[in-house]
Amino acid sequence: MGNVVVFGNQKGGVGKSTLAVLYAFWLSDVHRQSVCVIDLDTQANSTKSLRRFATGVETIELFEQGGTSTVATGGQSIAMVTGGRLLADVELAKPEEVIPAFRNNVIRLARDFDAVVIDTPPALGLRMSAALMAATAAVCPIELEEYSIDGVTDMLKTIFGIRQRYNPRLRLAGIVLNRFNPHSLRQKAAMQELALNFREFVVPARISIRSAIPEALAEGVPVWQLPKSAARAASLEVLQVFELLQQRIADPGEAVRAETKG
């Protein structure tokens, strides 16, 4: 069964959708894996970036028991299960109904694909809880700005709490430093605090603020396919982060050792 990787943070604007989309592209392009991307956000940013891979299946269907039996790839290596405004209704549903339904449907998809990538909303609720209960790995993107450490702390408490109570397979793959500005004293101070508190969880690489990344996603392609010289530096950073991240995802023992040290 394929890995189910959740990109989540309880603080918005940290690049969850960007990294989820790029990671799906990376698995497809570099590792030749079949990938199902599930967009749990009402803003549907991942859906917009991967619109050419849309399958006709909406994420809201995954919260219904037996809601969808097949997600067809259409001959492509990425299959997009689309988000949208209707997902807000999930938060009003009965947890004992929608969470098991979502988990069962995701497990079914993990049998059909090499990997399932889930982009979550920027708040703790039924959708994020359902995603973590179905996941094998969680990735926590962080932008080193004010309140970022608090957001990471809350997210780690959620991940470890859900693993202890509901999903023993869940592991923290890593905290990813995103949109880093090396000239910002505020970000450098936040990085020092992050290193002091969560050193073992942080992926030892970072992604700087790069205009090529949003440009590529606006065109629906990974940054390493963007025919611009500015995309080269961005590509090197993104690819390095994913290589390090994948080591922890592919080897759960690596994540366990990091958590033990942490």
Protein backbone atom coordinates (compact mmCIF):
# COMPACT_ATOMS: atom_id res chain seq x y z
CA MET A 1 0.00 0.00 0.00
CA GLY A 2 1.29 3.45 -0.89
CA ASN A 3 2.30 6.11 1.61
CA VAL A 4 -0.32 8.69 2.59
CA VAL A 5 1.49 12.00 3.13
CA VAL A 6 -0.31 14.96 4.70
CA PHE A 7 0.95 18.53 4.36
CA GLY A 8 -0.44 20.44 7.30
CA ASN A 9 -0.04 23.39 9.61
CA GLN A 10 -2.61 25.08 11.81
CA LYS A 11 -1.33 28.45 10.60
CA GLY A 12 -2.20 29.67 7.12
CA GLY A 13 0.11 31.14 4.50
CA VAL A 14 3.04 28.78 5.07
CA GLY A 15 3.06 27.12 1.64
CA LYS A 16 1.21 23.87 2.32
CA SER A 17 -0.46 23.78 -1.08
CA THR A 18 2.72 24.81 -2.88
CA LEU A 19 4.77 22.03 -1.30
CA ALA A 20 2.02 19.43 -1.66
CA VAL A 21 1.76 20.13 -5.39
CA LEU A 22 5.53 20.20 -5.93
CA TYR A 23 5.94 16.99 -3.95
CA ALA A 24 3.34 15.26 -6.12
CA PHE A 25 5.16 16.47 -9.24
CA TRP A 26 8.46 15.26 -7.76
CA LEU A 27 7.14 11.77 -7.02
CA SER A 28 5.75 11.59 -10.55
CA ASP A 29 8.72 13.06 -12.44
CA VAL A 30 11.70 11.84 -10.42
CA HIS A 31 10.42 8.55 -8.97
CA ARG A 32 7.92 7.68 -11.71
CA GLN A 33 5.22 7.00 -9.12
CA SER A 34 1.49 7.20 -9.58
CA VAL A 35 0.13 9.87 -7.24
CA CYS A 36 -3.35 10.77 -6.05
CA VAL A 37 -3.63 14.32 -4.71
CA ILE A 38 -6.54 15.14 -2.39
CA ASP A 39 -7.40 18.80 -1.82
CA LEU A 40 -9.15 19.32 1.53
CA ASP A 41 -9.11 23.13 1.38
CA THR A 42 -12.14 25.21 0.43
CA GLN A 43 -9.79 27.65 -1.37
CA ALA A 44 -8.74 24.76 -3.62
CA ASN A 45 -5.29 26.08 -4.47
CA SER A 46 -3.89 22.62 -5.17
CA THR A 47 -6.87 21.97 -7.44
CA LYS A 48 -6.09 25.11 -9.44
CA SER A 49 -2.41 24.20 -9.87
CA LEU A 50 -3.23 20.61 -10.89
CA ARG A 51 -6.43 21.31 -12.83
CA ARG A 52 -5.19 19.45 -15.90
CA PHE A 53 -5.07 16.28 -13.78
CA ALA A 54 -8.65 16.59 -12.49
CA THR A 55 -10.44 13.24 -12.38
CA GLY A 56 -14.00 14.44 -12.00
CA VAL A 57 -14.04 13.16 -8.41
CA GLU A 58 -14.55 15.77 -5.67
CA THR A 59 -13.03 15.45 -2.21
CA ILE A 60 -16.44 15.87 -0.58
CA GLU A 61 -17.30 12.41 -1.97
CA LEU A 62 -14.56 10.83 0.13
CA PHE A 63 -16.46 11.73 3.28
CA GLU A 64 -19.33 9.47 2.25
CA GLN A 65 -19.14 5.76 3.06
CA GLY A 66 -18.48 4.10 -0.28
CA GLY A 67 -18.64 7.55 -1.82
CA THR A 68 -16.21 6.73 -4.59
CA SER A 69 -14.84 3.41 -5.72
CA THR A 70 -12.50 4.51 -8.50
CA VAL A 71 -10.31 7.50 -9.24
CA ALA A 72 -9.23 7.16 -12.85
CA THR A 73 -5.87 8.61 -13.89
CA GLY A 74 -6.77 9.10 -17.54
CA GLY A 75 -3.38 7.67 -18.47
CA GLN A 76 -1.51 10.30 -16.42
CA SER A 77 0.67 9.67 -13.39
CA ILE A 78 -1.14 12.26 -11.23
CA ALA A 79 -4.82 12.12 -10.33
CA MET A 80 -6.43 15.20 -8.75
CA VAL A 81 -9.37 14.84 -6.36
CA THR A 82 -10.66 18.39 -6.28
CA GLY A 83 -11.46 20.66 -3.34
CA GLY A 84 -14.01 23.42 -3.12
CA ARG A 85 -16.46 25.38 -0.97
CA LEU A 86 -18.68 22.39 -0.22
CA LEU A 87 -15.93 21.02 2.04
CA ALA A 88 -16.91 23.57 4.68
CA ASP A 89 -20.04 21.46 5.30
CA VAL A 90 -17.84 18.61 6.55
CA GLU A 91 -17.06 20.60 9.69
CA LEU A 92 -20.76 20.47 10.61
CA ALA A 93 -21.10 16.72 10.09
CA LYS A 94 -20.96 13.93 12.66
CA PRO A 95 -17.31 12.93 13.27
CA GLU A 96 -18.23 9.28 13.83
CA GLU A 97 -19.64 9.18 10.29
CA VAL A 98 -17.36 11.30 8.11
CA ILE A 99 -13.94 10.46 9.61
CA PRO A 100 -14.19 6.65 9.20
CA ALA A 101 -15.63 7.13 5.72
CA PHE A 102 -12.74 9.35 4.67
CA ARG A 103 -10.17 7.02 6.17
CA ASN A 104 -11.61 3.97 4.41
CA ASN A 105 -11.73 5.77 1.06
CA VAL A 106 -8.13 6.99 1.43
CA ILE A 107 -6.93 3.49 2.31
CA ARG A 108 -8.63 2.25 -0.86
CA LEU A 109 -6.84 4.92 -2.90
CA ALA A 110 -3.51 4.03 -1.27
CA ARG A 111 -3.93 0.52 -2.66
CA ASP A 112 -4.42 1.89 -6.18
CA PHE A 113 -1.62 4.48 -6.17
CA ASP A 114 2.04 4.50 -5.19
CA ALA A 115 1.37 7.55 -3.01
CA VAL A 116 -1.50 9.70 -1.79
CA VAL A 117 -0.75 13.37 -1.05
CA ILE A 118 -3.24 15.38 1.03
CA ASP A 119 -3.35 19.18 1.20
CA THR A 120 -5.15 20.31 4.36
CA PRO A 121 -6.97 23.48 5.47
CA PRO A 122 -5.10 25.94 7.74
CA ALA A 123 -7.06 25.07 10.88
CA LEU A 124 -7.69 22.08 13.09
CA GLY A 125 -11.09 20.59 12.35
CA LEU A 126 -12.71 17.43 11.09
CA ARG A 127 -10.98 17.61 7.72
CA MET A 128 -7.46 17.90 9.13
CA SER A 129 -8.21 15.30 11.81
CA ALA A 130 -9.54 12.90 9.19
CA ALA A 131 -6.44 13.41 7.05
CA LEU A 132 -4.06 12.68 9.93
CA MET A 133 -6.04 9.61 10.97
CA ALA A 134 -5.63 8.23 7.46
CA ALA A 135 -1.97 9.21 6.99
CA THR A 136 1.32 7.40 7.32
CA ALA A 137 3.42 10.60 7.33
CA ALA A 138 2.88 14.27 8.12
CA VAL A 139 4.92 17.17 6.75
CA CYS A 140 4.74 20.52 8.52
CA PRO A 141 5.76 23.49 6.33
CA ILE A 142 6.69 26.64 8.23
CA GLU A 143 7.42 30.20 7.24
CA LEU A 144 9.75 31.83 9.74
CA GLU A 145 7.59 34.75 10.72
CA GLU A 146 5.83 35.97 13.84
CA TYR A 147 3.78 33.29 15.62
CA SER A 148 5.30 30.57 13.42
CA ILE A 149 6.78 28.70 16.38
CA ASP A 150 3.40 28.68 18.13
CA GLY A 151 1.82 27.25 14.99
CA VAL A 152 4.39 24.47 14.80
CA THR A 153 3.95 23.65 18.48
CA ASP A 154 0.19 23.30 18.07
CA MET A 155 0.59 21.17 14.95
CA LEU A 156 3.06 18.79 16.59
CA LYS A 157 0.74 18.36 19.58
CA THR A 158 -2.05 17.48 17.14
CA ILE A 159 0.08 14.99 15.20
CA PHE A 160 1.41 13.19 18.27
CA GLY A 161 -2.00 13.22 19.95
CA ILE A 162 -3.72 11.64 16.96
CA ARG A 163 -0.97 9.05 16.64
CA GLN A 164 -1.28 8.08 20.28
CA ARG A 165 -5.07 7.85 20.30
CA TYR A 166 -6.17 6.93 16.77
CA ASN A 167 -3.41 6.21 14.24
CA PRO A 168 -0.21 4.48 15.46
CA ARG A 169 1.12 4.39 11.86
CA LEU A 170 1.37 8.19 11.70
CA ARG A 171 4.88 9.67 11.78
CA LEU A 172 6.16 13.22 11.59
CA ALA A 173 8.30 13.22 8.45
CA GLY A 174 9.68 16.67 9.18
CA ILE A 175 9.30 20.41 9.52
CA VAL A 176 10.14 22.16 6.23
CA LEU A 177 11.48 25.72 6.29
CA ASN A 178 9.73 27.53 3.45
CA ARG A 179 9.90 31.05 1.98
CA PHE A 180 13.10 31.77 3.84
CA ASN A 181 14.60 35.26 3.57
CA PRO A 182 18.32 35.14 4.51
CA HIS A 183 18.38 38.94 4.92
CA SER A 184 15.63 39.04 7.54
CA LEU A 185 16.82 39.39 11.12
CA ARG A 186 13.36 38.39 12.31
CA GLN A 187 13.51 35.13 10.37
CA LYS A 188 17.01 34.39 11.62
CA ALA A 189 15.81 34.83 15.19
CA ALA A 190 12.84 32.54 14.52
CA MET A 191 15.19 29.96 13.01
CA GLN A 192 17.31 29.99 16.16
CA GLU A 193 14.24 29.44 18.30
CA LEU A 194 13.08 26.64 16.01
CA ALA A 195 16.49 24.97 16.19
CA LEU A 196 16.50 25.29 19.96
CA ASN A 197 13.10 23.61 20.38
CA PHE A 198 12.66 21.29 17.40
CA ARG A 199 16.10 20.60 15.93
CA GLU A 200 15.55 16.86 15.41
CA PHE A 201 12.30 17.43 13.50
CA VAL A 202 13.57 20.08 11.08
CA VAL A 203 14.61 18.97 7.60
CA PRO A 204 18.22 20.25 7.24
CA ALA A 205 17.56 22.27 4.10
CA ARG A 206 15.36 25.22 3.26
CA ILE A 207 13.41 26.80 0.43
CA SER A 208 14.02 30.51 -0.06
CA ILE A 209 11.58 33.09 -1.39
CA ARG A 210 11.69 32.41 -5.13
CA SER A 211 9.41 34.07 -7.69
CA ALA A 212 9.92 31.13 -10.05
CA ILE A 213 7.92 28.79 -7.79
CA PRO A 214 4.54 30.60 -7.95
CA GLU A 215 5.16 31.30 -11.64
CA ALA A 216 5.58 27.60 -12.33
CA LEU A 217 2.50 26.60 -10.35
CA ALA A 218 0.43 29.26 -12.12
CA GLU A 219 1.34 27.45 -15.34
CA GLY A 220 0.60 24.05 -13.80
CA VAL A 221 4.15 22.73 -14.08
CA PRO A 222 6.89 21.96 -11.52
CA VAL A 223 9.52 24.66 -11.08
CA TRP A 224 12.25 22.44 -12.55
CA GLN A 225 10.36 22.46 -15.86
CA LEU A 226 10.11 26.24 -16.03
CA PRO A 227 12.35 27.44 -18.90
CA LYS A 228 13.93 30.29 -16.96
CA SER A 229 17.38 30.68 -15.44
CA ALA A 230 15.78 31.94 -12.20
CA ALA A 231 14.13 28.55 -11.79
CA ARG A 232 17.44 26.71 -11.42
CA ALA A 233 18.26 27.87 -7.90
CA ALA A 234 14.68 27.30 -6.80
CA SER A 235 14.74 23.80 -8.28
CA LEU A 236 17.94 22.86 -6.47
CA GLU A 237 16.46 23.90 -3.12
CA VAL A 238 13.13 22.16 -3.66
CA LEU A 239 14.72 18.93 -4.89
CA GLN A 240 17.15 18.83 -1.95
CA VAL A 241 14.33 19.28 0.56
CA PHE A 242 12.27 16.50 -1.01
CA GLU A 243 15.20 14.09 -1.14
CA LEU A 244 15.82 14.57 2.59
CA LEU A 245 12.13 14.43 3.37
CA GLN A 246 11.66 11.24 1.40
CA GLN A 247 14.35 9.50 3.41
CA ARG A 248 12.16 9.89 6.49
CA ILE A 249 8.96 9.00 4.66
CA ALA A 250 10.41 5.90 3.04
CA ASP A 251 12.10 4.82 6.27
CA PRO A 252 9.65 5.25 9.19
CA GLY A 253 12.48 4.24 11.52
CA GLU A 254 14.28 7.46 10.63
CA ALA A 255 11.29 9.48 11.79
CA VAL A 256 11.04 7.40 14.95
CA ARG A 257 14.70 8.08 15.78
CA ALA A 258 14.16 11.82 15.25
CA GLU A 259 11.12 11.79 17.51
CA THR A 260 13.02 9.86 20.18
CA LYS A 261 15.85 12.41 20.15
CA GLY A 262 13.33 15.26 20.13
